[in-house]
Amino acid sequence: MRVSRRNILTATDQGPCRSRPHGLASEEMPSAEPDRVDAARSRLAARYAELLRTLVLAAPPPAGFDPERLRVQAERLAERRRRYAHQH
């Protein structure tokens, strides 16, 4: 998938994935389990979107990440995009 500003900003709006855990038929799944899994996936999607905003859009770094390492990585990604754009 091509990463664009729209993809990043709407990543959490697409809702959680509804797949079931491996090895369990839907009738075997406890009723509380899907809600817990959906909540965890939503949190993960939000954290991932926050990290992408930092790397691609120069947003403030998310809690728990080293700001200097993210800055260096964002610069490298920007350089990679510039080289790719120049070649194509």
PDB file of N, CA and C in Angstrom:
ATOM      1  N   MET A   1       0.840  -1.169   0.000  1.00  0.00           N
ATOM      2  CA  MET A   1       0.000   0.000   0.000  1.00  0.00           C
ATOM      3  C   MET A   1       0.889   1.238   0.000  1.00  0.00           C
ATOM      4  N   ARG A   2       0.543   2.196  -0.784  1.00  0.00           N
ATOM      5  CA  ARG A   2       1.285   3.440  -0.830  1.00  0.00           C
ATOM      6  C   ARG A   2       0.895   4.308   0.362  1.00  0.00           C
ATOM      7  N   VAL A   3       1.877   4.799   1.076  1.00  0.00           N
ATOM      8  CA  VAL A   3       1.617   5.619   2.252  1.00  0.00           C
ATOM      9  C   VAL A   3       1.381   7.048   1.810  1.00  0.00           C
ATOM     10  N   SER A   4       0.268   7.584   2.219  1.00  0.00           N
ATOM     11  CA  SER A   4      -0.031   8.979   1.928  1.00  0.00           C
ATOM     12  C   SER A   4      -0.550   9.625   3.202  1.00  0.00           C
ATOM     13  N   ARG A   5      -0.657  10.932   3.175  1.00  0.00           N
ATOM     14  CA  ARG A   5      -1.175  11.658   4.335  1.00  0.00           C
ATOM     15  C   ARG A   5      -2.566  11.138   4.692  1.00  0.00           C
ATOM     16  N   ARG A   6      -3.397  10.879   3.707  1.00  0.00           N
ATOM     17  CA  ARG A   6      -4.754  10.400   3.974  1.00  0.00           C
ATOM     18  C   ARG A   6      -4.735   9.022   4.633  1.00  0.00           C
ATOM     19  N   ASN A   7      -3.861   8.090   4.147  1.00  0.00           N
ATOM     20  CA  ASN A   7      -3.768   6.762   4.751  1.00  0.00           C
ATOM     21  C   ASN A   7      -3.413   6.856   6.222  1.00  0.00           C
ATOM     22  N   ILE A   8      -2.485   7.721   6.545  1.00  0.00           N
ATOM     23  CA  ILE A   8      -2.017   7.823   7.921  1.00  0.00           C
ATOM     24  C   ILE A   8      -3.083   8.429   8.818  1.00  0.00           C
ATOM     25  N   LEU A   9      -3.700   9.484   8.367  1.00  0.00           N
ATOM     26  CA  LEU A   9      -4.663  10.173   9.210  1.00  0.00           C
ATOM     27  C   LEU A   9      -5.944   9.396   9.402  1.00  0.00           C
ATOM     28  N   THR A  10      -6.269   8.461   8.509  1.00  0.00           N
ATOM     29  CA  THR A  10      -7.516   7.703   8.635  1.00  0.00           C
ATOM     30  C   THR A  10      -7.292   6.258   9.052  1.00  0.00           C
ATOM     31  N   ALA A  11      -6.067   5.905   9.426  1.00  0.00           N
ATOM     32  CA  ALA A  11      -5.783   4.510   9.762  1.00  0.00           C
ATOM     33  C   ALA A  11      -6.645   4.003  10.904  1.00  0.00           C
ATOM     34  N   THR A  12      -6.863   4.810  11.921  1.00  0.00           N
ATOM     35  CA  THR A  12      -7.658   4.349  13.054  1.00  0.00           C
ATOM     36  C   THR A  12      -9.148   4.477  12.796  1.00  0.00           C
ATOM     37  N   ASP A  13      -9.556   5.207  11.772  1.00  0.00           N
ATOM     38  CA  ASP A  13     -10.974   5.359  11.456  1.00  0.00           C
ATOM     39  C   ASP A  13     -11.550   4.140  10.738  1.00  0.00           C
ATOM     40  N   GLN A  14     -10.702   3.262  10.256  1.00  0.00           N
ATOM     41  CA  GLN A  14     -11.170   2.114   9.499  1.00  0.00           C
ATOM     42  C   GLN A  14     -11.681   1.001  10.405  1.00  0.00           C
ATOM     43  N   GLY A  15     -11.506   1.131  11.698  1.00  0.00           N
ATOM     44  CA  GLY A  15     -12.025   0.155  12.644  1.00  0.00           C
ATOM     45  C   GLY A  15     -11.099  -1.031  12.794  1.00  0.00           C
ATOM     46  N   PRO A  16     -11.337  -1.813  13.837  1.00  0.00           N
ATOM     47  CA  PRO A  16     -10.477  -2.955  14.112  1.00  0.00           C
ATOM     48  C   PRO A  16     -10.733  -4.109  13.156  1.00  0.00           C
ATOM     49  N   CYS A  17      -9.717  -4.911  12.978  1.00  0.00           N
ATOM     50  CA  CYS A  17      -9.843  -6.128  12.185  1.00  0.00           C
ATOM     51  C   CYS A  17     -10.742  -7.108  12.941  1.00  0.00           C
ATOM     52  N   ARG A  18     -11.596  -7.801  12.246  1.00  0.00           N
ATOM     53  CA  ARG A  18     -12.557  -8.701  12.895  1.00  0.00           C
ATOM     54  C   ARG A  18     -12.174 -10.175  12.777  1.00  0.00           C
ATOM     55  N   SER A  19     -10.941 -10.484  12.449  1.00  0.00           N
ATOM     56  CA  SER A  19     -10.570 -11.887  12.307  1.00  0.00           C
ATOM     57  C   SER A  19     -10.517 -12.563  13.667  1.00  0.00           C
ATOM     58  N   ARG A  20     -10.691 -13.868  13.675  1.00  0.00           N
ATOM     59  CA  ARG A  20     -10.683 -14.614  14.927  1.00  0.00           C
ATOM     60  C   ARG A  20      -9.294 -15.166  15.209  1.00  0.00           C
ATOM     61  N   PRO A  21      -8.985 -15.443  16.477  1.00  0.00           N
ATOM     62  CA  PRO A  21      -7.685 -16.032  16.801  1.00  0.00           C
ATOM     63  C   PRO A  21      -7.509 -17.370  16.105  1.00  0.00           C
ATOM     64  N   HIS A  22      -6.283 -17.681  15.735  1.00  0.00           N
ATOM     65  CA  HIS A  22      -5.999 -18.934  15.037  1.00  0.00           C
ATOM     66  C   HIS A  22      -6.409 -20.134  15.878  1.00  0.00           C
ATOM     67  N   GLY A  23      -7.017 -21.099  15.216  1.00  0.00           N
ATOM     68  CA  GLY A  23      -7.360 -22.346  15.873  1.00  0.00           C
ATOM     69  C   GLY A  23      -8.705 -22.365  16.567  1.00  0.00           C
ATOM     70  N   LEU A  24      -9.415 -21.280  16.627  1.00  0.00           N
ATOM     71  CA  LEU A  24     -10.718 -21.261  17.282  1.00  0.00           C
ATOM     72  C   LEU A  24     -11.812 -21.005  16.256  1.00  0.00           C
ATOM     73  N   ALA A  25     -12.801 -21.871  16.265  1.00  0.00           N
ATOM     74  CA  ALA A  25     -13.985 -21.613  15.457  1.00  0.00           C
ATOM     75  C   ALA A  25     -14.780 -20.525  16.164  1.00  0.00           C
ATOM     76  N   SER A  26     -15.587 -19.796  15.423  1.00  0.00           N
ATOM     77  CA  SER A  26     -16.298 -18.668  16.020  1.00  0.00           C
ATOM     78  C   SER A  26     -17.211 -19.098  17.162  1.00  0.00           C
ATOM     79  N   GLU A  27     -17.784 -20.303  17.096  1.00  0.00           N
ATOM     80  CA  GLU A  27     -18.663 -20.751  18.184  1.00  0.00           C
ATOM     81  C   GLU A  27     -17.881 -21.158  19.435  1.00  0.00           C
ATOM     82  N   GLU A  28     -16.562 -21.393  19.308  1.00  0.00           N
ATOM     83  CA  GLU A  28     -15.731 -21.765  20.455  1.00  0.00           C
ATOM     84  C   GLU A  28     -15.179 -20.552  21.184  1.00  0.00           C
ATOM     85  N   MET A  29     -15.262 -19.382  20.584  1.00  0.00           N
ATOM     86  CA  MET A  29     -14.654 -18.199  21.147  1.00  0.00           C
ATOM     87  C   MET A  29     -15.491 -17.668  22.309  1.00  0.00           C
ATOM     88  N   PRO A  30     -14.879 -17.432  23.464  1.00  0.00           N
ATOM     89  CA  PRO A  30     -15.622 -16.850  24.584  1.00  0.00           C
ATOM     90  C   PRO A  30     -16.180 -15.487  24.191  1.00  0.00           C
ATOM     91  N   SER A  31     -17.321 -15.116  24.750  1.00  0.00           N
ATOM     92  CA  SER A  31     -17.989 -13.885  24.333  1.00  0.00           C
ATOM     93  C   SER A  31     -17.175 -12.635  24.653  1.00  0.00           C
ATOM     94  N   ALA A  32     -16.405 -12.622  25.724  1.00  0.00           N
ATOM     95  CA  ALA A  32     -15.617 -11.442  26.084  1.00  0.00           C
ATOM     96  C   ALA A  32     -14.356 -11.319  25.223  1.00  0.00           C
ATOM     97  N   GLU A  33     -13.875 -12.417  24.667  1.00  0.00           N
ATOM     98  CA  GLU A  33     -12.619 -12.427  23.915  1.00  0.00           C
ATOM     99  C   GLU A  33     -12.644 -11.507  22.693  1.00  0.00           C
ATOM    100  N   PRO A  34     -13.663 -11.522  21.841  1.00  0.00           N
ATOM    101  CA  PRO A  34     -13.626 -10.637  20.669  1.00  0.00           C
ATOM    102  C   PRO A  34     -13.530  -9.158  21.047  1.00  0.00           C
ATOM    103  N   ASP A  35     -14.220  -8.745  22.102  1.00  0.00           N
ATOM    104  CA  ASP A  35     -14.155  -7.346  22.521  1.00  0.00           C
ATOM    105  C   ASP A  35     -12.753  -6.970  22.989  1.00  0.00           C
ATOM    106  N   ARG A  36     -12.125  -7.864  23.733  1.00  0.00           N
ATOM    107  CA  ARG A  36     -10.777  -7.603  24.227  1.00  0.00           C
ATOM    108  C   ARG A  36      -9.772  -7.547  23.077  1.00  0.00           C
ATOM    109  N   VAL A  37      -9.917  -8.468  22.128  1.00  0.00           N
ATOM    110  CA  VAL A  37      -9.024  -8.494  20.971  1.00  0.00           C
ATOM    111  C   VAL A  37      -9.231  -7.233  20.129  1.00  0.00           C
ATOM    112  N   ASP A  38     -10.485  -6.858  19.900  1.00  0.00           N
ATOM    113  CA  ASP A  38     -10.776  -5.647  19.127  1.00  0.00           C
ATOM    114  C   ASP A  38     -10.209  -4.404  19.805  1.00  0.00           C
ATOM    115  N   ALA A  39     -10.315  -4.335  21.112  1.00  0.00           N
ATOM    116  CA  ALA A  39      -9.782  -3.185  21.849  1.00  0.00           C
ATOM    117  C   ALA A  39      -8.259  -3.130  21.720  1.00  0.00           C
ATOM    118  N   ALA A  40      -7.607  -4.283  21.834  1.00  0.00           N
ATOM    119  CA  ALA A  40      -6.146  -4.329  21.710  1.00  0.00           C
ATOM    120  C   ALA A  40      -5.712  -3.932  20.299  1.00  0.00           C
ATOM    121  N   ARG A  41      -6.445  -4.405  19.298  1.00  0.00           N
ATOM    122  CA  ARG A  41      -6.110  -4.050  17.917  1.00  0.00           C
ATOM    123  C   ARG A  41      -6.316  -2.558  17.673  1.00  0.00           C
ATOM    124  N   SER A  42      -7.348  -1.999  18.242  1.00  0.00           N
ATOM    125  CA  SER A  42      -7.597  -0.563  18.089  1.00  0.00           C
ATOM    126  C   SER A  42      -6.481   0.254  18.715  1.00  0.00           C
ATOM    127  N   ARG A  43      -6.036  -0.172  19.910  1.00  0.00           N
ATOM    128  CA  ARG A  43      -4.928   0.531  20.563  1.00  0.00           C
ATOM    129  C   ARG A  43      -3.652   0.426  19.738  1.00  0.00           C
ATOM    130  N   LEU A  44      -3.384  -0.760  19.214  1.00  0.00           N
ATOM    131  CA  LEU A  44      -2.198  -0.965  18.390  1.00  0.00           C
ATOM    132  C   LEU A  44      -2.270  -0.115  17.125  1.00  0.00           C
ATOM    133  N   ALA A  45      -3.421  -0.065  16.485  1.00  0.00           N
ATOM    134  CA  ALA A  45      -3.586   0.752  15.279  1.00  0.00           C
ATOM    135  C   ALA A  45      -3.365   2.229  15.585  1.00  0.00           C
ATOM    136  N   ALA A  46      -3.856   2.679  16.713  1.00  0.00           N
ATOM    137  CA  ALA A  46      -3.667   4.092  17.095  1.00  0.00           C
ATOM    138  C   ALA A  46      -2.191   4.391  17.343  1.00  0.00           C
ATOM    139  N   ARG A  47      -1.486   3.491  18.025  1.00  0.00           N
ATOM    140  CA  ARG A  47      -0.049   3.693  18.296  1.00  0.00           C
ATOM    141  C   ARG A  47       0.751   3.670  16.996  1.00  0.00           C
ATOM    142  N   TYR A  48       0.385   2.756  16.093  1.00  0.00           N
ATOM    143  CA  TYR A  48       1.071   2.651  14.809  1.00  0.00           C
ATOM    144  C   TYR A  48       0.853   3.930  13.994  1.00  0.00           C
ATOM    145  N   ALA A  49      -0.366   4.430  13.971  1.00  0.00           N
ATOM    146  CA  ALA A  49      -0.667   5.671  13.246  1.00  0.00           C
ATOM    147  C   ALA A  49       0.118   6.838  13.840  1.00  0.00           C
ATOM    148  N   GLU A  50       0.233   6.862  15.161  1.00  0.00           N
ATOM    149  CA  GLU A  50       0.996   7.920  15.834  1.00  0.00           C
ATOM    150  C   GLU A  50       2.477   7.849  15.437  1.00  0.00           C
ATOM    151  N   LEU A  51       3.022   6.639  15.370  1.00  0.00           N
ATOM    152  CA  LEU A  51       4.417   6.457  14.964  1.00  0.00           C
ATOM    153  C   LEU A  51       4.609   6.880  13.508  1.00  0.00           C
ATOM    154  N   LEU A  52       3.688   6.513  12.633  1.00  0.00           N
ATOM    155  CA  LEU A  52       3.797   6.913  11.230  1.00  0.00           C
ATOM    156  C   LEU A  52       3.715   8.424  11.065  1.00  0.00           C
ATOM    157  N   ARG A  53       2.852   9.067  11.828  1.00  0.00           N
ATOM    158  CA  ARG A  53       2.768  10.537  11.770  1.00  0.00           C
ATOM    159  C   ARG A  53       4.119  11.161  12.123  1.00  0.00           C
ATOM    160  N   THR A  54       4.795  10.575  13.109  1.00  0.00           N
ATOM    161  CA  THR A  54       6.107  11.078  13.508  1.00  0.00           C
ATOM    162  C   THR A  54       7.125  10.888  12.396  1.00  0.00           C
ATOM    163  N   LEU A  55       7.135   9.712  11.784  1.00  0.00           N
ATOM    164  CA  LEU A  55       8.139   9.406  10.769  1.00  0.00           C
ATOM    165  C   LEU A  55       7.878  10.119   9.445  1.00  0.00           C
ATOM    166  N   VAL A  56       6.626  10.311   9.088  1.00  0.00           N
ATOM    167  CA  VAL A  56       6.302  10.847   7.770  1.00  0.00           C
ATOM    168  C   VAL A  56       5.916  12.322   7.806  1.00  0.00           C
ATOM    169  N   LEU A  57       5.221  12.739   8.855  1.00  0.00           N
ATOM    170  CA  LEU A  57       4.692  14.101   8.900  1.00  0.00           C
ATOM    171  C   LEU A  57       5.374  14.988   9.933  1.00  0.00           C
ATOM    172  N   ALA A  58       6.449  14.511  10.545  1.00  0.00           N
ATOM    173  CA  ALA A  58       7.206  15.268  11.549  1.00  0.00           C
ATOM    174  C   ALA A  58       6.349  15.666  12.751  1.00  0.00           C
ATOM    175  N   ALA A  59       5.435  14.810  13.139  1.00  0.00           N
ATOM    176  CA  ALA A  59       4.632  15.037  14.342  1.00  0.00           C
ATOM    177  C   ALA A  59       5.490  14.764  15.573  1.00  0.00           C
ATOM    178  N   PRO A  60       5.064  15.212  16.744  1.00  0.00           N
ATOM    179  CA  PRO A  60       5.822  14.914  17.965  1.00  0.00           C
ATOM    180  C   PRO A  60       5.916  13.394  18.189  1.00  0.00           C
ATOM    181  N   PRO A  61       7.033  12.928  18.732  1.00  0.00           N
ATOM    182  CA  PRO A  61       7.197  11.485  18.942  1.00  0.00           C
ATOM    183  C   PRO A  61       6.223  10.943  19.982  1.00  0.00           C
ATOM    184  N   PRO A  62       5.739   9.727  19.771  1.00  0.00           N
ATOM    185  CA  PRO A  62       4.850   9.110  20.757  1.00  0.00           C
ATOM    186  C   PRO A  62       5.605   8.792  22.047  1.00  0.00           C
ATOM    187  N   ALA A  63       4.871   8.695  23.120  1.00  0.00           N
ATOM    188  CA  ALA A  63       5.461   8.338  24.413  1.00  0.00           C
ATOM    189  C   ALA A  63       6.136   6.969  24.314  1.00  0.00           C
ATOM    190  N   GLY A  64       7.295   6.861  24.946  1.00  0.00           N
ATOM    191  CA  GLY A  64       7.996   5.589  24.981  1.00  0.00           C
ATOM    192  C   GLY A  64       9.004   5.392  23.867  1.00  0.00           C
ATOM    193  N   PHE A  65       9.098   6.336  22.922  1.00  0.00           N
ATOM    194  CA  PHE A  65      10.057   6.234  21.833  1.00  0.00           C
ATOM    195  C   PHE A  65      11.160   7.264  22.025  1.00  0.00           C
ATOM    196  N   ASP A  66      12.358   6.915  21.594  1.00  0.00           N
ATOM    197  CA  ASP A  66      13.497   7.814  21.670  1.00  0.00           C
ATOM    198  C   ASP A  66      13.370   8.862  20.566  1.00  0.00           C
ATOM    199  N   PRO A  67      13.172  10.127  20.928  1.00  0.00           N
ATOM    200  CA  PRO A  67      12.973  11.174  19.912  1.00  0.00           C
ATOM    201  C   PRO A  67      14.140  11.299  18.933  1.00  0.00           C
ATOM    202  N   GLU A  68      15.361  11.147  19.414  1.00  0.00           N
ATOM    203  CA  GLU A  68      16.528  11.274  18.536  1.00  0.00           C
ATOM    204  C   GLU A  68      16.562  10.150  17.504  1.00  0.00           C
ATOM    205  N   ARG A  69      16.280   8.946  17.907  1.00  0.00           N
ATOM    206  CA  ARG A  69      16.272   7.818  16.966  1.00  0.00           C
ATOM    207  C   ARG A  69      15.168   7.987  15.930  1.00  0.00           C
ATOM    208  N   LEU A  70      14.006   8.475  16.362  1.00  0.00           N
ATOM    209  CA  LEU A  70      12.921   8.713  15.412  1.00  0.00           C
ATOM    210  C   LEU A  70      13.272   9.828  14.430  1.00  0.00           C
ATOM    211  N   ARG A  71      13.951  10.857  14.913  1.00  0.00           N
ATOM    212  CA  ARG A  71      14.370  11.946  14.032  1.00  0.00           C
ATOM    213  C   ARG A  71      15.317  11.434  12.960  1.00  0.00           C
ATOM    214  N   VAL A  72      16.299  10.626  13.362  1.00  0.00           N
ATOM    215  CA  VAL A  72      17.263  10.067  12.413  1.00  0.00           C
ATOM    216  C   VAL A  72      16.536   9.180  11.401  1.00  0.00           C
ATOM    217  N   GLN A  73      15.649   8.340  11.879  1.00  0.00           N
ATOM    218  CA  GLN A  73      14.921   7.447  10.977  1.00  0.00           C
ATOM    219  C   GLN A  73      14.035   8.235  10.016  1.00  0.00           C
ATOM    220  N   ALA A  74      13.377   9.282  10.493  1.00  0.00           N
ATOM    221  CA  ALA A  74      12.535  10.114   9.631  1.00  0.00           C
ATOM    222  C   ALA A  74      13.377  10.762   8.533  1.00  0.00           C
ATOM    223  N   GLU A  75      14.576  11.221   8.882  1.00  0.00           N
ATOM    224  CA  GLU A  75      15.472  11.810   7.882  1.00  0.00           C
ATOM    225  C   GLU A  75      15.862  10.783   6.831  1.00  0.00           C
ATOM    226  N   ARG A  76      16.156   9.575   7.266  1.00  0.00           N
ATOM    227  CA  ARG A  76      16.533   8.515   6.313  1.00  0.00           C
ATOM    228  C   ARG A  76      15.372   8.163   5.391  1.00  0.00           C
ATOM    229  N   LEU A  77      14.177   8.088   5.935  1.00  0.00           N
ATOM    230  CA  LEU A  77      13.011   7.801   5.101  1.00  0.00           C
ATOM    231  C   LEU A  77      12.765   8.920   4.098  1.00  0.00           C
ATOM    232  N   ALA A  78      12.923  10.158   4.518  1.00  0.00           N
ATOM    233  CA  ALA A  78      12.743  11.289   3.610  1.00  0.00           C
ATOM    234  C   ALA A  78      13.777  11.245   2.484  1.00  0.00           C
ATOM    235  N   GLU A  79      15.012  10.928   2.834  1.00  0.00           N
ATOM    236  CA  GLU A  79      16.060  10.809   1.823  1.00  0.00           C
ATOM    237  C   GLU A  79      15.738   9.684   0.841  1.00  0.00           C
ATOM    238  N   ARG A  80      15.257   8.581   1.336  1.00  0.00           N
ATOM    239  CA  ARG A  80      14.873   7.457   0.472  1.00  0.00           C
ATOM    240  C   ARG A  80      13.757   7.880  -0.491  1.00  0.00           C
ATOM    241  N   ARG A  81      12.765   8.606   0.015  1.00  0.00           N
ATOM    242  CA  ARG A  81      11.666   9.077  -0.844  1.00  0.00           C
ATOM    243  C   ARG A  81      12.194  10.047  -1.907  1.00  0.00           C
ATOM    244  N   ARG A  82      13.127  10.928  -1.523  1.00  0.00           N
ATOM    245  CA  ARG A  82      13.710  11.857  -2.497  1.00  0.00           C
ATOM    246  C   ARG A  82      14.460  11.105  -3.597  1.00  0.00           C
ATOM    247  N   ARG A  83      15.263  10.120  -3.209  1.00  0.00           N
ATOM    248  CA  ARG A  83      16.000   9.332  -4.218  1.00  0.00           C
ATOM    249  C   ARG A  83      15.045   8.602  -5.139  1.00  0.00           C
ATOM    250  N   TYR A  84      14.012   8.020  -4.594  1.00  0.00           N
ATOM    251  CA  TYR A  84      13.032   7.291  -5.406  1.00  0.00           C
ATOM    252  C   TYR A  84      12.336   8.237  -6.374  1.00  0.00           C
ATOM    253  N   ALA A  85      11.921   9.411  -5.892  1.00  0.00           N
ATOM    254  CA  ALA A  85      11.238  10.387  -6.745  1.00  0.00           C
ATOM    255  C   ALA A  85      12.170  10.870  -7.860  1.00  0.00           C
ATOM    256  N   HIS A  86      13.433  11.027  -7.536  1.00  0.00           N
ATOM    257  CA  HIS A  86      14.398  11.489  -8.529  1.00  0.00           C
ATOM    258  C   HIS A  86      14.610  10.435  -9.602  1.00  0.00           C
ATOM    259  N   GLN A  87      14.582   9.165  -9.248  1.00  0.00           N
ATOM    260  CA  GLN A  87      14.820   8.075 -10.184  1.00  0.00           C
ATOM    261  C   GLN A  87      13.615   7.803 -11.073  1.00  0.00           C
ATOM    262  N   HIS A  88      12.429   8.147 -10.629  1.00  0.00           N
ATOM    263  CA  HIS A  88      11.214   7.792 -11.385  1.00  0.00           C
ATOM    264  C   HIS A  88      10.540   8.985 -11.909  1.00  0.00           C
TER     265      HIS A  88
END
